[in-house]
Amino acid sequence: MSDPVCPLCGRPIPPEARQSLHHLVPKLRGGKGGPVVLLHQICHNQIHAALSETQLARDYATIDALLAHPRLAKFILWVAKRPPGFHSRTPGKRRGRR
């Protein structure tokens, strides 16, 4: 069986890689029980560093919308060159949970 693929960066997610589930609509904005996607932890961290909960719920509740965000697009180009298990700290502070 092959490893799942991160829908954000397109790299496989091996079992040893840091990973997490992302609610496409944040739980605090009505997404509890809604659709989730498995992402590399570094990809998930970048989403939350770039966007607030309100922005995610209102404008970025799909993978296509996330891929179109300028900061995330730049990050994806960078991380796609890294090995599937790569992880590092996400630069910049996390945005507030509004």
C-alpha atoms as a PDB file:
ATOM      1  CA  MET A   1       0.000   0.000   0.000  1.00  0.00           C
ATOM      2  CA  SER A   2       1.399   3.419  -0.891  1.00  0.00           C
ATOM      3  CA  ASP A   3       1.683   6.359   1.482  1.00  0.00           C
ATOM      4  CA  PRO A   4      -1.083   8.982   1.458  1.00  0.00           C
ATOM      5  CA  VAL A   5      -0.272  12.159  -0.476  1.00  0.00           C
ATOM      6  CA  CYS A   6      -0.440  15.627   1.060  1.00  0.00           C
ATOM      7  CA  PRO A   7      -3.033  17.563  -0.962  1.00  0.00           C
ATOM      8  CA  LEU A   8      -1.208  20.832  -0.293  1.00  0.00           C
ATOM      9  CA  CYS A   9       2.375  20.048  -1.378  1.00  0.00           C
ATOM     10  CA  GLY A  10       1.785  16.845  -3.369  1.00  0.00           C
ATOM     11  CA  ARG A  11       4.505  14.897  -1.520  1.00  0.00           C
ATOM     12  CA  PRO A  12       3.846  11.451   0.002  1.00  0.00           C
ATOM     13  CA  ILE A  13       3.287  11.335   3.765  1.00  0.00           C
ATOM     14  CA  PRO A  14       5.332   8.394   5.095  1.00  0.00           C
ATOM     15  CA  PRO A  15       4.273   6.895   8.453  1.00  0.00           C
ATOM     16  CA  GLU A  16       7.307   8.400  10.239  1.00  0.00           C
ATOM     17  CA  ALA A  17       6.591  11.945   8.989  1.00  0.00           C
ATOM     18  CA  ARG A  18       4.984  14.480  11.314  1.00  0.00           C
ATOM     19  CA  GLN A  19       1.394  14.791  10.124  1.00  0.00           C
ATOM     20  CA  SER A  20      -2.001  16.047  11.228  1.00  0.00           C
ATOM     21  CA  LEU A  21      -5.595  16.456  10.152  1.00  0.00           C
ATOM     22  CA  HIS A  22      -6.753  19.881   8.964  1.00  0.00           C
ATOM     23  CA  HIS A  23     -10.416  20.863   9.209  1.00  0.00           C
ATOM     24  CA  LEU A  24     -11.213  22.665   5.967  1.00  0.00           C
ATOM     25  CA  VAL A  25     -13.665  24.809   7.925  1.00  0.00           C
ATOM     26  CA  PRO A  26     -12.172  25.496  11.383  1.00  0.00           C
ATOM     27  CA  LYS A  27     -13.981  23.776  14.250  1.00  0.00           C
ATOM     28  CA  LEU A  28     -14.518  27.140  15.953  1.00  0.00           C
ATOM     29  CA  ARG A  29     -16.219  28.449  12.801  1.00  0.00           C
ATOM     30  CA  GLY A  30     -18.724  25.636  12.312  1.00  0.00           C
ATOM     31  CA  GLY A  31     -16.463  22.933  10.915  1.00  0.00           C
ATOM     32  CA  LYS A  32     -16.755  20.427  13.751  1.00  0.00           C
ATOM     33  CA  GLY A  33     -17.662  17.145  12.102  1.00  0.00           C
ATOM     34  CA  GLY A  34     -16.922  18.643   8.678  1.00  0.00           C
ATOM     35  CA  PRO A  35     -14.392  17.486   6.092  1.00  0.00           C
ATOM     36  CA  VAL A  36     -10.769  17.014   7.106  1.00  0.00           C
ATOM     37  CA  VAL A  37      -7.606  16.370   5.095  1.00  0.00           C
ATOM     38  CA  LEU A  38      -4.360  14.694   6.149  1.00  0.00           C
ATOM     39  CA  LEU A  39      -1.380  17.038   5.733  1.00  0.00           C
ATOM     40  CA  HIS A  40       2.294  17.124   6.611  1.00  0.00           C
ATOM     41  CA  GLN A  41       2.585  18.955   9.930  1.00  0.00           C
ATOM     42  CA  ILE A  42       4.795  21.608   8.291  1.00  0.00           C
ATOM     43  CA  CYS A  43       2.092  22.260   5.661  1.00  0.00           C
ATOM     44  CA  HIS A  44      -0.599  22.473   8.344  1.00  0.00           C
ATOM     45  CA  ASN A  45       1.519  24.884  10.400  1.00  0.00           C
ATOM     46  CA  GLN A  46       2.026  27.109   7.365  1.00  0.00           C
ATOM     47  CA  ILE A  47      -1.721  27.344   6.734  1.00  0.00           C
ATOM     48  CA  HIS A  48      -2.337  28.558  10.287  1.00  0.00           C
ATOM     49  CA  ALA A  49       0.652  30.918  10.208  1.00  0.00           C
ATOM     50  CA  ALA A  50      -0.682  32.566   7.045  1.00  0.00           C
ATOM     51  CA  LEU A  51      -4.424  32.693   7.708  1.00  0.00           C
ATOM     52  CA  SER A  52      -6.786  33.397  10.600  1.00  0.00           C
ATOM     53  CA  GLU A  53      -9.628  31.057  11.503  1.00  0.00           C
ATOM     54  CA  THR A  54     -12.094  33.583  10.071  1.00  0.00           C
ATOM     55  CA  GLN A  55     -10.203  33.813   6.768  1.00  0.00           C
ATOM     56  CA  LEU A  56     -10.039  30.015   6.556  1.00  0.00           C
ATOM     57  CA  ALA A  57     -13.784  29.666   7.127  1.00  0.00           C
ATOM     58  CA  ARG A  58     -14.781  32.503   4.808  1.00  0.00           C
ATOM     59  CA  ASP A  59     -12.369  32.291   1.870  1.00  0.00           C
ATOM     60  CA  TYR A  60     -10.061  29.267   2.164  1.00  0.00           C
ATOM     61  CA  ALA A  61     -12.258  26.255   2.955  1.00  0.00           C
ATOM     62  CA  THR A  62     -11.013  24.210  -0.034  1.00  0.00           C
ATOM     63  CA  ILE A  63      -7.619  22.881  -1.062  1.00  0.00           C
ATOM     64  CA  ASP A  64      -7.862  24.827  -4.352  1.00  0.00           C
ATOM     65  CA  ALA A  65      -8.403  28.085  -2.454  1.00  0.00           C
ATOM     66  CA  LEU A  66      -5.441  27.339  -0.162  1.00  0.00           C
ATOM     67  CA  LEU A  67      -3.228  26.569  -3.169  1.00  0.00           C
ATOM     68  CA  ALA A  68      -4.130  29.952  -4.676  1.00  0.00           C
ATOM     69  CA  HIS A  69      -3.047  31.949  -1.602  1.00  0.00           C
ATOM     70  CA  PRO A  70       0.229  33.791  -2.478  1.00  0.00           C
ATOM     71  CA  ARG A  71       2.122  32.959   0.744  1.00  0.00           C
ATOM     72  CA  LEU A  72       1.074  29.310   0.618  1.00  0.00           C
ATOM     73  CA  ALA A  73       1.921  29.053  -3.104  1.00  0.00           C
ATOM     74  CA  LYS A  74       5.444  30.317  -2.395  1.00  0.00           C
ATOM     75  CA  PHE A  75       5.800  27.881   0.517  1.00  0.00           C
ATOM     76  CA  ILE A  76       4.598  24.947  -1.625  1.00  0.00           C
ATOM     77  CA  LEU A  77       7.228  25.676  -4.293  1.00  0.00           C
ATOM     78  CA  TRP A  78       9.880  25.632  -1.559  1.00  0.00           C
ATOM     79  CA  VAL A  79       8.723  22.574   0.417  1.00  0.00           C
ATOM     80  CA  ALA A  80       8.062  20.450  -2.689  1.00  0.00           C
ATOM     81  CA  LYS A  81      11.855  20.180  -3.118  1.00  0.00           C
ATOM     82  CA  ARG A  82      12.272  18.684   0.377  1.00  0.00           C
ATOM     83  CA  PRO A  83      12.110  14.960   1.250  1.00  0.00           C
ATOM     84  CA  PRO A  84       8.667  13.644   2.295  1.00  0.00           C
ATOM     85  CA  GLY A  85       9.635  13.380   5.986  1.00  0.00           C
ATOM     86  CA  PHE A  86      11.141  16.893   6.164  1.00  0.00           C
ATOM     87  CA  HIS A  87      10.048  19.137   9.042  1.00  0.00           C
ATOM     88  CA  SER A  88      11.255  22.459  10.410  1.00  0.00           C
ATOM     89  CA  ARG A  89       9.891  25.288  12.481  1.00  0.00           C
ATOM     90  CA  THR A  90       7.461  27.551  10.673  1.00  0.00           C
ATOM     91  CA  PRO A  91       8.825  31.108  10.531  1.00  0.00           C
ATOM     92  CA  GLY A  92       6.626  33.969  11.623  1.00  0.00           C
ATOM     93  CA  LYS A  93       4.107  34.068  14.405  1.00  0.00           C
ATOM     94  CA  ARG A  94       0.820  32.244  14.316  1.00  0.00           C
ATOM     95  CA  ARG A  95      -2.122  34.403  13.432  1.00  0.00           C
ATOM     96  CA  GLY A  96      -4.789  34.996  16.037  1.00  0.00           C
ATOM     97  CA  ARG A  97      -7.780  32.706  16.295  1.00  0.00           C
ATOM     98  CA  ARG A  98     -10.524  35.163  15.408  1.00  0.00           C
END
